[in-house]
């Protein structure tokens, strides 16, 4: 790298293309690209973006399916010096439009026949491929001295928000993944989650940045097919959310046998129960690591197989380069064994929410990120989660913000009040439940149909309960905990 140049996350591709040109970078079914082809494909796509008027620092939306093109475009936007705006291709039109309206991308790459209103769309079809083939990369691309990715969470509130991660911050997260999770140049990472999803995107880019191999196996799939793909692809690292691990536990030892050879099986998205961790280690993979992380701050702690035996009710100890602290209501540290608010800091933690100073002041204070979780540290540095101070619902490892669903329900003319809570579920950790105070004639089916029309499937309430009123505190705040107590846990 030239002296004085700020590292771009795509810089290592050219190095890999020279030093390991025939090493496979990405596999999807029968298709694959080695590093020589991957680097060339990224450079030509970056040049095509620049030829369309995209400038360094511009925001570019990616609303693509989970294939090789999506992975190429993540690095192409980076190499062009632009900022990635992840957009879930599974979202409803209304959800996509809200995100592009808030973050104002100069262009958005979409699948053919899937335009998004409110943004300049580039269809990833024949015309795009022809433009890419004709593009001539410049002698030098922009460096990494600017933002890289809007790290939106899986769910968005009525006002979308997400931190703008820099190249340096994302690379710092890669260092954590190499040090604590088994990624690196020799990894063969099987990505079985959407590339849009924060974990999937980051782990894919980390593997490519290091010179390893990414095997794409996008959902939906049967869990027995996933186990078979591990064997077929020779995967060494696999990341799954709790819901998928619970489904794997329903299979026999013969079906699960390929997973036992993984060098690392990672779970993140929601904490597992100690007995679930024991079953996963004994029945699926002994090399199981639970990873406590957030979209805004990256990795916080890792619970290794050895730690699970000693402190199986914790979420482990701080990962490489990260400092964790527990504080009281005035942000003063509290002694070990005391429950308080979790905060942490490190080189991979974002600086704030892009374009949202109010939310930034609440969550990012004095160099620390406050995820809104409660916990305690013991005198050996193990972190124990003690609840969430925020109302976020985590369904199958995917974050869902109740406010978004509440805002939609309240837009119905026959809804007077609405409160959305997490419904405890063994399979998904939480499902979505809505409590609605009707105004006039109203039925549950109409509200569920509205949600299906305007929201991604995973955000649609499992049930909408029509009630006469909502429980409140003396100052009028809805007591969501009391609503959750009305719900019988789902199997």
Protein backbone atom coordinates (compact mmCIF):
# COMPACT_ATOMS: atom_id res chain seq x y z
CA UNK A 1 0.00 0.00 0.00
CA UNK A 2 1.31 3.48 -0.90
CA UNK A 3 2.65 5.51 2.02
CA UNK A 4 -0.01 7.82 3.39
CA UNK A 5 -2.83 5.84 1.81
CA UNK A 6 -5.66 4.86 4.13
CA UNK A 7 -6.41 1.15 3.86
CA UNK A 8 -9.44 0.21 1.77
CA UNK A 9 -11.15 -3.06 2.68
CA UNK A 10 -10.75 -4.13 -0.97
CA UNK A 11 -7.00 -3.48 -1.11
CA UNK A 12 -6.04 -7.04 -0.21
CA UNK A 13 -7.86 -8.44 -3.27
CA UNK A 14 -5.11 -7.28 -5.61
CA UNK A 15 -2.52 -8.84 -3.32
CA UNK A 16 -4.39 -12.16 -3.24
CA UNK A 17 -4.75 -12.03 -7.04
CA UNK A 18 -0.94 -11.83 -7.34
CA UNK A 19 0.07 -14.20 -4.56
CA UNK A 20 -2.68 -16.86 -4.59
CA UNK A 21 -4.38 -16.34 -7.97
CA UNK A 22 -5.83 -19.85 -8.28
CA UNK A 23 -7.07 -20.13 -4.70
CA UNK A 24 -10.89 -20.21 -4.73
CA UNK A 25 -12.45 -17.06 -3.29
CA UNK A 26 -16.16 -17.89 -3.52
CA UNK A 27 -18.31 -20.90 -4.33
CA UNK A 28 -22.06 -20.99 -5.03
CA UNK A 29 -23.33 -24.37 -6.14
CA UNK A 30 -21.38 -25.34 -9.26
CA UNK A 31 -20.10 -21.79 -9.83
CA UNK A 32 -16.88 -20.45 -8.36
CA UNK A 33 -14.31 -17.66 -8.78
CA UNK A 34 -10.63 -17.81 -7.87
CA UNK A 35 -8.86 -14.71 -6.54
CA UNK A 36 -7.53 -13.65 -9.96
CA UNK A 37 -11.08 -13.64 -11.35
CA UNK A 38 -12.62 -12.21 -8.19
CA UNK A 39 -10.24 -9.23 -8.12
CA UNK A 40 -10.81 -8.50 -11.82
CA UNK A 41 -14.60 -8.77 -11.43
CA UNK A 42 -14.58 -6.38 -8.46
CA UNK A 43 -12.37 -3.84 -10.26
CA UNK A 44 -14.56 -3.83 -13.35
CA UNK A 45 -17.73 -3.37 -11.28
CA UNK A 46 -16.12 -0.53 -9.35
CA UNK A 47 -15.11 1.09 -12.64
CA UNK A 48 -18.65 0.66 -13.96
CA UNK A 49 -20.04 2.44 -10.90
CA UNK A 50 -17.60 5.31 -11.36
CA UNK A 51 -18.58 5.45 -15.03
CA UNK A 52 -22.21 5.88 -13.99
CA UNK A 53 -21.29 8.95 -11.97
CA UNK A 54 -20.86 7.40 -8.53
CA UNK A 55 -18.25 9.40 -6.63
CA UNK A 56 -16.18 8.59 -3.56
CA UNK A 57 -18.34 9.06 -0.46
CA UNK A 58 -21.65 8.52 -2.31
CA UNK A 59 -24.13 6.04 -0.87
CA UNK A 60 -24.97 3.04 -3.09
CA UNK A 61 -27.83 0.71 -2.20
CA UNK A 62 -27.54 -3.07 -2.65
CA UNK A 63 -30.87 -4.93 -2.86
CA UNK A 64 -29.61 -8.21 -4.28
CA UNK A 65 -30.23 -11.91 -3.86
CA UNK A 66 -27.71 -14.03 -1.98
CA UNK A 67 -25.38 -14.94 -4.83
CA UNK A 68 -21.86 -14.23 -6.04
CA UNK A 69 -22.93 -10.89 -7.56
CA UNK A 70 -23.93 -9.61 -4.13
CA UNK A 71 -20.53 -10.47 -2.65
CA UNK A 72 -18.72 -8.91 -5.61
CA UNK A 73 -20.73 -5.71 -5.27
CA UNK A 74 -19.91 -5.33 -1.57
CA UNK A 75 -16.23 -5.08 -2.51
CA UNK A 76 -16.91 -3.13 -5.72
CA UNK A 77 -18.72 -0.35 -3.83
CA UNK A 78 -15.85 -0.32 -1.32
CA UNK A 79 -13.21 -0.18 -4.06
CA UNK A 80 -15.05 2.71 -5.71
CA UNK A 81 -14.78 4.59 -2.41
CA UNK A 82 -18.55 4.67 -2.01
CA UNK A 83 -20.72 3.68 0.96
CA UNK A 84 -22.73 0.44 1.02
CA UNK A 85 -26.40 0.74 1.98
CA UNK A 86 -27.65 -2.83 2.67
CA UNK A 87 -31.28 -3.38 1.63
CA UNK A 88 -32.92 -6.73 2.27
CA UNK A 89 -34.27 -8.03 -1.04
CA UNK A 90 -36.97 -9.83 0.99
CA UNK A 91 -38.42 -6.58 2.35
CA UNK A 92 -41.77 -5.31 1.15
CA UNK A 93 -41.71 -2.29 -1.18
CA UNK A 94 -42.80 0.04 1.63
CA UNK A 95 -39.82 -0.99 3.77
CA UNK A 96 -37.31 -0.51 0.95
CA UNK A 97 -38.74 2.90 0.08
CA UNK A 98 -38.46 4.10 3.68
CA UNK A 99 -34.78 3.19 3.86
CA UNK A 100 -33.83 4.79 0.53
CA UNK A 101 -35.80 7.91 1.43
CA UNK A 102 -33.84 8.27 4.68
CA UNK A 103 -30.32 7.45 3.43
CA UNK A 104 -30.70 8.87 -0.12
CA UNK A 105 -28.45 6.55 -2.16
CA UNK A 106 -27.29 7.98 -5.50
CA UNK A 107 -28.06 4.60 -7.06
CA UNK A 108 -29.31 1.18 -5.99
CA UNK A 109 -28.43 -2.13 -7.58
CA UNK A 110 -31.52 -4.33 -7.76
CA UNK A 111 -32.55 -7.68 -9.21
CA UNK A 112 -34.16 -7.51 -12.67
CA UNK A 113 -37.83 -6.66 -12.39
CA UNK A 114 -37.56 -5.50 -8.76
CA UNK A 115 -37.28 -1.69 -8.89
CA UNK A 116 -37.51 0.49 -5.80
CA UNK A 117 -39.39 3.78 -6.01
CA UNK A 118 -37.47 6.86 -4.90
CA UNK A 119 -33.99 5.85 -6.03
CA UNK A 120 -32.09 5.48 -9.29
CA UNK A 121 -32.14 1.73 -9.90
CA UNK A 122 -29.52 -0.30 -11.77
CA UNK A 123 -30.82 -3.76 -12.64
CA UNK A 124 -28.21 -6.49 -12.23
CA UNK A 125 -29.09 -8.06 -15.57
CA UNK A 126 -27.69 -8.28 -19.08
CA UNK A 127 -27.19 -4.51 -19.54
CA UNK A 128 -25.28 -4.26 -16.27
CA UNK A 129 -23.07 -7.21 -17.17
CA UNK A 130 -22.33 -5.66 -20.56
CA UNK A 131 -21.39 -2.36 -18.90
CA UNK A 132 -19.13 -4.21 -16.46
CA UNK A 133 -17.35 -6.11 -19.26
CA UNK A 134 -16.73 -2.87 -21.14
CA UNK A 135 -15.42 -0.98 -18.11
CA UNK A 136 -11.73 -0.10 -17.87
CA UNK A 137 -10.50 0.22 -14.26
CA UNK A 138 -8.55 3.40 -13.50
CA UNK A 139 -4.89 3.30 -12.53
CA UNK A 140 -5.83 3.89 -8.89
CA UNK A 141 -9.06 3.66 -6.92
CA UNK A 142 -9.99 5.84 -3.91
CA UNK A 143 -8.51 4.85 -0.56
CA UNK A 144 -10.45 3.96 2.58
CA UNK A 145 -10.41 7.33 4.28
CA UNK A 146 -14.21 7.60 4.47
CA UNK A 147 -17.31 5.64 5.39
CA UNK A 148 -17.80 2.09 4.13
CA UNK A 149 -21.16 0.64 5.18
CA UNK A 150 -24.40 1.73 6.80
CA UNK A 151 -24.58 -1.06 9.33
CA UNK A 152 -28.35 -1.19 9.62
CA UNK A 153 -29.84 -3.71 12.02
CA UNK A 154 -32.15 -6.42 10.65
CA UNK A 155 -35.20 -4.48 11.69
CA UNK A 156 -35.71 -0.74 11.37
CA UNK A 157 -37.82 1.61 13.37
CA UNK A 158 -40.27 4.10 11.90
CA UNK A 159 -37.18 6.32 11.56
CA UNK A 160 -34.43 4.13 10.05
CA UNK A 161 -31.07 4.36 11.75
CA UNK A 162 -27.71 2.73 11.51
CA UNK A 163 -24.10 3.65 12.17
CA UNK A 164 -21.77 4.48 9.31
CA UNK A 165 -18.79 2.16 9.74
CA UNK A 166 -15.44 3.17 8.30
CA UNK A 167 -13.04 0.86 6.51
CA UNK A 168 -10.79 0.89 9.59
CA UNK A 169 -13.65 -0.02 11.92
CA UNK A 170 -14.78 -2.96 9.79
CA UNK A 171 -11.20 -4.23 9.43
CA UNK A 172 -10.86 -4.03 13.23
CA UNK A 173 -13.93 -6.31 13.45
CA UNK A 174 -12.18 -8.71 11.08
CA UNK A 175 -9.26 -8.86 13.52
CA UNK A 176 -11.66 -9.99 16.26
CA UNK A 177 -13.08 -12.69 13.99
CA UNK A 178 -9.60 -13.96 13.13
CA UNK A 179 -8.44 -13.92 16.75
CA UNK A 180 -11.53 -15.35 18.47
CA UNK A 181 -13.77 -17.14 15.95
CA UNK A 182 -11.53 -19.21 13.72
CA UNK A 183 -11.66 -17.10 10.54
CA UNK A 184 -8.59 -16.40 8.42
CA UNK A 185 -6.76 -17.23 5.22
CA UNK A 186 -7.20 -21.00 5.67
CA UNK A 187 -10.90 -20.81 6.57
CA UNK A 188 -13.56 -22.27 4.35
CA UNK A 189 -16.59 -20.37 5.60
CA UNK A 190 -20.07 -21.66 4.77
CA UNK A 191 -22.45 -18.70 4.74
CA UNK A 192 -25.94 -20.04 5.43
CA UNK A 193 -27.59 -16.71 6.32
CA UNK A 194 -28.62 -13.80 4.06
CA UNK A 195 -25.66 -11.68 2.93
CA UNK A 196 -27.74 -8.62 3.89
CA UNK A 197 -27.71 -9.85 7.52
CA UNK A 198 -24.94 -8.17 9.56
CA UNK A 199 -23.26 -11.41 10.61
CA UNK A 200 -23.38 -12.98 7.17
CA UNK A 201 -22.09 -9.85 5.45
CA UNK A 202 -19.26 -9.28 7.92
CA UNK A 203 -18.11 -12.92 8.04
CA UNK A 204 -18.11 -13.16 4.23
CA UNK A 205 -16.08 -9.98 3.85
CA UNK A 206 -13.71 -11.00 6.65
CA UNK A 207 -12.98 -14.31 4.92
CA UNK A 208 -12.35 -12.69 1.53
CA UNK A 209 -10.22 -9.93 3.07
CA UNK A 210 -8.01 -12.62 4.65
CA UNK A 211 -7.79 -14.70 1.47
CA UNK A 212 -9.98 -17.61 2.55
CA UNK A 213 -12.93 -19.22 0.75
CA UNK A 214 -16.62 -18.33 1.09
CA UNK A 215 -19.17 -21.01 0.26
CA UNK A 216 -22.62 -19.51 -0.32
CA UNK A 217 -25.58 -21.64 0.78
CA UNK A 218 -28.45 -19.15 1.03
CA UNK A 219 -31.77 -19.88 2.70
CA UNK A 220 -34.33 -21.31 2.46
CA UNK A 221 -33.12 -24.87 2.86
CA UNK A 222 -33.88 -27.99 4.88
CA UNK A 223 -31.56 -28.40 7.87
CA UNK A 224 -30.50 -31.86 6.67
CA UNK A 225 -29.45 -30.24 3.38
CA UNK A 226 -27.30 -27.78 5.34
CA UNK A 227 -25.48 -30.64 7.06
CA UNK A 228 -24.92 -32.31 3.69
CA UNK A 229 -23.51 -29.05 2.25
CA UNK A 230 -20.97 -28.88 5.07
CA UNK A 231 -19.70 -32.29 3.95
CA UNK A 232 -19.84 -31.49 0.21
CA UNK A 233 -18.05 -28.15 0.51
CA UNK A 234 -15.44 -29.12 3.12
CA UNK A 235 -16.49 -26.15 5.27
CA UNK A 236 -14.41 -25.39 8.36
CA UNK A 237 -16.45 -22.51 9.82
CA UNK A 238 -20.24 -22.14 10.04
CA UNK A 239 -22.38 -19.39 11.57
CA UNK A 240 -26.00 -20.04 12.54
CA UNK A 241 -28.65 -18.22 14.55
CA UNK A 242 -30.25 -20.03 17.52
CA UNK A 243 -33.38 -21.00 15.59
CA UNK A 244 -31.39 -23.05 13.07
CA UNK A 245 -29.35 -24.75 15.78
CA UNK A 246 -32.54 -25.78 17.56
CA UNK A 247 -33.83 -27.26 14.33
CA UNK A 248 -30.61 -29.20 13.85
CA UNK A 249 -31.01 -30.70 17.30
CA UNK A 250 -34.16 -32.44 16.05
CA UNK A 251 -32.08 -34.66 13.70
CA UNK A 252 -30.27 -37.91 14.40
CA UNK A 253 -26.53 -38.36 14.80
CA UNK A 254 -26.03 -39.67 11.27
CA UNK A 255 -27.55 -36.53 9.73
CA UNK A 256 -25.49 -34.26 11.97
CA UNK A 257 -22.21 -36.17 11.52
CA UNK A 258 -20.68 -33.71 8.97
CA UNK A 259 -20.98 -30.84 11.46
CA UNK A 260 -18.83 -32.57 14.06
CA UNK A 261 -15.74 -31.92 11.95
CA UNK A 262 -16.15 -28.13 11.83
CA UNK A 263 -13.25 -26.19 13.29
CA UNK A 264 -15.71 -23.58 14.58
CA UNK A 265 -19.50 -23.49 14.85
CA UNK A 266 -20.62 -19.96 15.77
CA UNK A 267 -23.95 -18.83 17.17
CA UNK A 268 -25.02 -15.23 17.62
CA UNK A 269 -28.23 -13.22 17.65
CA UNK A 270 -29.69 -14.24 21.04
CA UNK A 271 -28.35 -15.98 24.10
CA UNK A 272 -28.88 -19.73 24.41
CA UNK A 273 -29.77 -21.55 27.61
CA UNK A 274 -26.93 -23.52 29.30
CA UNK A 275 -28.61 -26.86 28.55
CA UNK A 276 -28.89 -25.93 24.86
CA UNK A 277 -25.18 -25.16 24.71
CA UNK A 278 -24.41 -28.56 26.22
CA UNK A 279 -26.57 -30.34 23.65
CA UNK A 280 -25.01 -28.40 20.78
CA UNK A 281 -21.48 -29.33 21.91
CA UNK A 282 -22.31 -32.98 22.43
CA UNK A 283 -24.76 -33.60 19.56
CA UNK A 284 -23.72 -31.16 16.81
CA UNK A 285 -20.15 -29.84 17.17
CA UNK A 286 -17.71 -29.82 20.11
CA UNK A 287 -16.04 -26.67 18.73
CA UNK A 288 -19.03 -24.45 19.46
CA UNK A 289 -18.58 -20.74 20.26
CA UNK A 290 -21.34 -18.36 21.28
CA UNK A 291 -20.74 -14.77 20.18
CA UNK A 292 -22.38 -11.80 21.88
CA UNK A 293 -22.33 -8.85 19.50
CA UNK A 294 -24.29 -5.90 18.17
CA UNK A 295 -24.73 -4.23 14.81
CA UNK A 296 -23.43 -0.92 16.13
CA UNK A 297 -20.41 -2.14 18.05
CA UNK A 298 -19.44 -5.49 16.60
CA UNK A 299 -18.23 -8.32 18.83
CA UNK A 300 -18.36 -7.95 22.60
CA UNK A 301 -17.68 -11.36 24.16
CA UNK A 302 -17.11 -14.97 23.11
CA UNK A 303 -18.06 -18.06 25.09
CA UNK A 304 -15.67 -20.87 24.12
CA UNK A 305 -16.31 -24.58 24.67
CA UNK A 306 -13.98 -24.49 27.67
CA UNK A 307 -15.77 -21.46 29.11
CA UNK A 308 -19.15 -23.13 28.61
CA UNK A 309 -18.04 -25.87 31.00
CA UNK A 310 -16.92 -23.34 33.62
CA UNK A 311 -19.32 -20.42 33.16
CA UNK A 312 -22.10 -21.83 31.01
CA UNK A 313 -24.62 -19.27 32.26
CA UNK A 314 -22.49 -16.36 30.99
CA UNK A 315 -21.83 -15.03 27.46
CA UNK A 316 -18.09 -15.31 27.90
CA UNK A 317 -15.26 -12.85 28.16
CA UNK A 318 -14.37 -9.79 26.10
CA UNK A 319 -12.99 -10.46 22.62
CA UNK A 320 -9.72 -9.14 21.21
CA UNK A 321 -9.26 -5.40 21.63
CA UNK A 322 -12.64 -4.79 23.32
CA UNK A 323 -13.17 -3.40 26.81
CA UNK A 324 -16.45 -4.16 28.61
CA UNK A 325 -17.76 -2.22 31.60
CA UNK A 326 -20.90 -2.25 33.78
CA UNK A 327 -22.17 1.13 34.93
CA UNK A 328 -24.95 2.65 37.00
CA UNK A 329 -27.50 5.24 35.89
CA UNK A 330 -24.85 7.97 35.93
CA UNK A 331 -22.35 5.96 33.86
CA UNK A 332 -20.13 5.22 36.86
CA UNK A 333 -18.54 1.74 36.94
CA UNK A 334 -19.99 -0.65 39.51
CA UNK A 335 -18.16 -3.47 41.36
CA UNK A 336 -18.07 -7.06 40.04
CA UNK A 337 -21.27 -8.93 40.79
CA UNK A 338 -23.41 -5.80 40.50
CA UNK A 339 -26.11 -5.57 37.85
CA UNK A 340 -26.01 -2.45 35.70
CA UNK A 341 -25.97 -1.20 32.13
CA UNK A 342 -23.49 -2.80 29.73
CA UNK A 343 -21.17 -0.54 27.79
CA UNK A 344 -18.11 -1.35 25.69
CA UNK A 345 -15.50 0.25 23.47
CA UNK A 346 -12.90 -0.83 20.95
CA UNK A 347 -11.52 -0.03 17.49
CA UNK A 348 -14.48 -1.71 15.73
CA UNK A 349 -17.17 0.29 17.53
CA UNK A 350 -18.99 2.88 15.42
CA UNK A 351 -18.92 6.57 16.31
CA UNK A 352 -22.68 7.14 16.18
CA UNK A 353 -25.82 6.75 14.11
CA UNK A 354 -25.56 8.33 10.68
CA UNK A 355 -27.66 11.49 10.47
CA UNK A 356 -29.32 10.90 13.86
CA UNK A 357 -27.62 13.03 16.55
CA UNK A 358 -30.34 12.45 19.15
CA UNK A 359 -30.06 8.67 18.99
CA UNK A 360 -26.27 8.96 18.88
CA UNK A 361 -26.14 10.98 22.10
CA UNK A 362 -28.20 8.32 23.86
CA UNK A 363 -26.19 5.28 22.75
CA UNK A 364 -22.66 6.64 22.17
CA UNK A 365 -21.24 8.46 25.18
CA UNK A 366 -17.66 9.37 26.09
CA UNK A 367 -16.20 6.88 23.65
CA UNK A 368 -18.41 3.99 24.85
CA UNK A 369 -21.31 2.27 23.12
CA UNK A 370 -24.35 1.47 25.28
CA UNK A 371 -26.32 -1.37 23.63
CA UNK A 372 -29.25 -1.06 26.03
CA UNK A 373 -28.61 -4.43 27.69
CA UNK A 374 -28.29 -5.08 31.41
CA UNK A 375 -25.64 -7.36 32.83
CA UNK A 376 -22.93 -7.99 35.39
CA UNK A 377 -19.27 -8.97 35.33
CA UNK A 378 -17.68 -11.42 37.74
CA UNK A 379 -14.14 -11.06 39.08
CA UNK A 380 -12.77 -13.23 36.24
CA UNK A 381 -14.20 -11.00 33.52
CA UNK A 382 -17.16 -13.19 32.50
CA UNK A 383 -20.19 -11.24 31.38
CA UNK A 384 -23.69 -12.31 32.44
CA UNK A 385 -26.73 -10.88 30.63
CA UNK A 386 -29.56 -9.83 32.95
CA UNK A 387 -32.15 -8.54 30.52
CA UNK A 388 -32.67 -5.86 27.90
CA UNK A 389 -33.51 -2.32 28.76
CA UNK A 390 -34.78 -1.83 25.23
CA UNK A 391 -37.89 -3.38 23.77
CA UNK A 392 -36.20 -5.00 20.79
CA UNK A 393 -37.57 -8.40 19.78
CA UNK A 394 -35.05 -11.01 18.61
CA UNK A 395 -36.70 -13.62 16.41
CA UNK A 396 -34.39 -16.33 15.15
CA UNK A 397 -31.40 -14.03 15.59
CA UNK A 398 -33.02 -11.18 13.65
CA UNK A 399 -33.66 -7.86 15.39
CA UNK A 400 -37.21 -6.52 15.16
CA UNK A 401 -38.14 -3.12 16.55
CA UNK A 402 -41.70 -3.02 17.95
CA UNK A 403 -42.10 0.66 17.16
CA UNK A 404 -42.15 -0.03 13.43
CA UNK A 405 -45.01 -2.51 13.74
CA UNK A 406 -46.85 -0.32 16.24
CA UNK A 407 -46.63 2.65 13.87
CA UNK A 408 -48.13 0.56 11.07
CA UNK A 409 -50.99 -0.71 13.24
CA UNK A 410 -51.72 2.76 14.57
CA UNK A 411 -52.10 3.94 10.99
CA UNK A 412 -55.23 1.82 10.66
CA UNK A 413 -58.31 4.01 11.20
CA UNK A 414 -59.92 1.48 13.55
CA UNK A 415 -56.90 1.13 15.88
CA UNK A 416 -56.85 3.36 18.95
CA UNK A 417 -53.76 1.97 20.66
CA UNK A 418 -51.16 -0.69 19.89
CA UNK A 419 -48.34 -2.36 21.77
CA UNK A 420 -46.00 -4.97 20.29
CA UNK A 421 -43.97 -7.37 22.44
CA UNK A 422 -41.81 -10.44 22.12
CA UNK A 423 -43.68 -13.71 22.62
CA UNK A 424 -41.35 -16.29 24.24
CA UNK A 425 -40.74 -19.16 21.82
CA UNK A 426 -38.53 -22.21 22.10
CA UNK A 427 -38.02 -22.42 18.33
CA UNK A 428 -37.41 -18.75 17.49
CA UNK A 429 -36.45 -17.33 20.92
CA UNK A 430 -39.24 -14.79 20.43
CA UNK A 431 -42.20 -14.35 18.10
CA UNK A 432 -44.07 -11.09 17.54
CA UNK A 433 -47.32 -10.50 19.43
CA UNK A 434 -49.45 -7.37 19.12
CA UNK A 435 -52.04 -6.04 21.53
CA UNK A 436 -54.53 -3.62 19.99
CA UNK A 437 -57.28 -1.46 21.48
CA UNK A 438 -59.86 -1.16 18.68
CA UNK A 439 -61.72 1.95 17.68
CA UNK A 440 -64.99 0.67 16.23
CA UNK A 441 -65.34 -2.58 14.29
CA UNK A 442 -62.10 -4.49 13.82
CA UNK A 443 -60.90 -8.08 13.50
CA UNK A 444 -57.52 -9.74 13.89
CA UNK A 445 -57.40 -11.06 10.31
CA UNK A 446 -57.56 -7.56 8.83
CA UNK A 447 -54.61 -6.38 10.90
CA UNK A 448 -52.52 -9.45 10.15
CA UNK A 449 -53.26 -8.95 6.43
CA UNK A 450 -52.12 -5.32 6.70
CA UNK A 451 -48.86 -6.40 8.29
CA UNK A 452 -48.27 -9.05 5.64
CA UNK A 453 -48.77 -6.42 2.96
CA UNK A 454 -46.40 -3.85 4.46
CA UNK A 455 -43.80 -5.84 6.41
CA UNK A 456 -41.25 -8.58 5.83
CA UNK A 457 -42.62 -12.00 6.81
CA UNK A 458 -40.49 -12.29 9.95
CA UNK A 459 -42.00 -9.07 11.35
CA UNK A 460 -45.64 -10.10 10.96
CA UNK A 461 -47.29 -10.73 14.37
CA UNK A 462 -48.02 -14.34 15.22
CA UNK A 463 -51.24 -13.07 16.78
CA UNK A 464 -53.01 -9.75 17.18
CA UNK A 465 -54.93 -9.68 20.46
CA UNK A 466 -57.87 -7.27 20.65
CA UNK A 467 -58.13 -5.86 24.18
CA UNK A 468 -60.20 -3.23 25.96
CA UNK A 469 -57.19 -1.39 27.33
CA UNK A 470 -53.44 -1.64 27.88
CA UNK A 471 -51.80 -1.90 31.32
CA UNK A 472 -50.05 1.31 32.29
CA UNK A 473 -47.88 2.78 35.00
CA UNK A 474 -49.01 5.68 37.12
CA UNK A 475 -47.49 8.09 34.61
CA UNK A 476 -49.30 6.47 31.69
CA UNK A 477 -46.49 4.34 30.21
CA UNK A 478 -47.59 0.99 28.77
CA UNK A 479 -46.33 -1.91 30.87
CA UNK A 480 -45.11 -4.28 28.20
CA UNK A 481 -43.84 -6.77 30.74
CA UNK A 482 -47.41 -7.23 31.95
CA UNK A 483 -48.50 -7.99 28.39
CA UNK A 484 -45.77 -10.61 28.00
CA UNK A 485 -46.99 -12.27 31.21
CA UNK A 486 -50.33 -12.89 29.53
CA UNK A 487 -48.68 -15.01 26.84
CA UNK A 488 -48.12 -18.72 27.25
CA UNK A 489 -44.65 -19.59 25.88
CA UNK A 490 -44.74 -21.09 22.40
CA UNK A 491 -43.18 -24.50 21.71
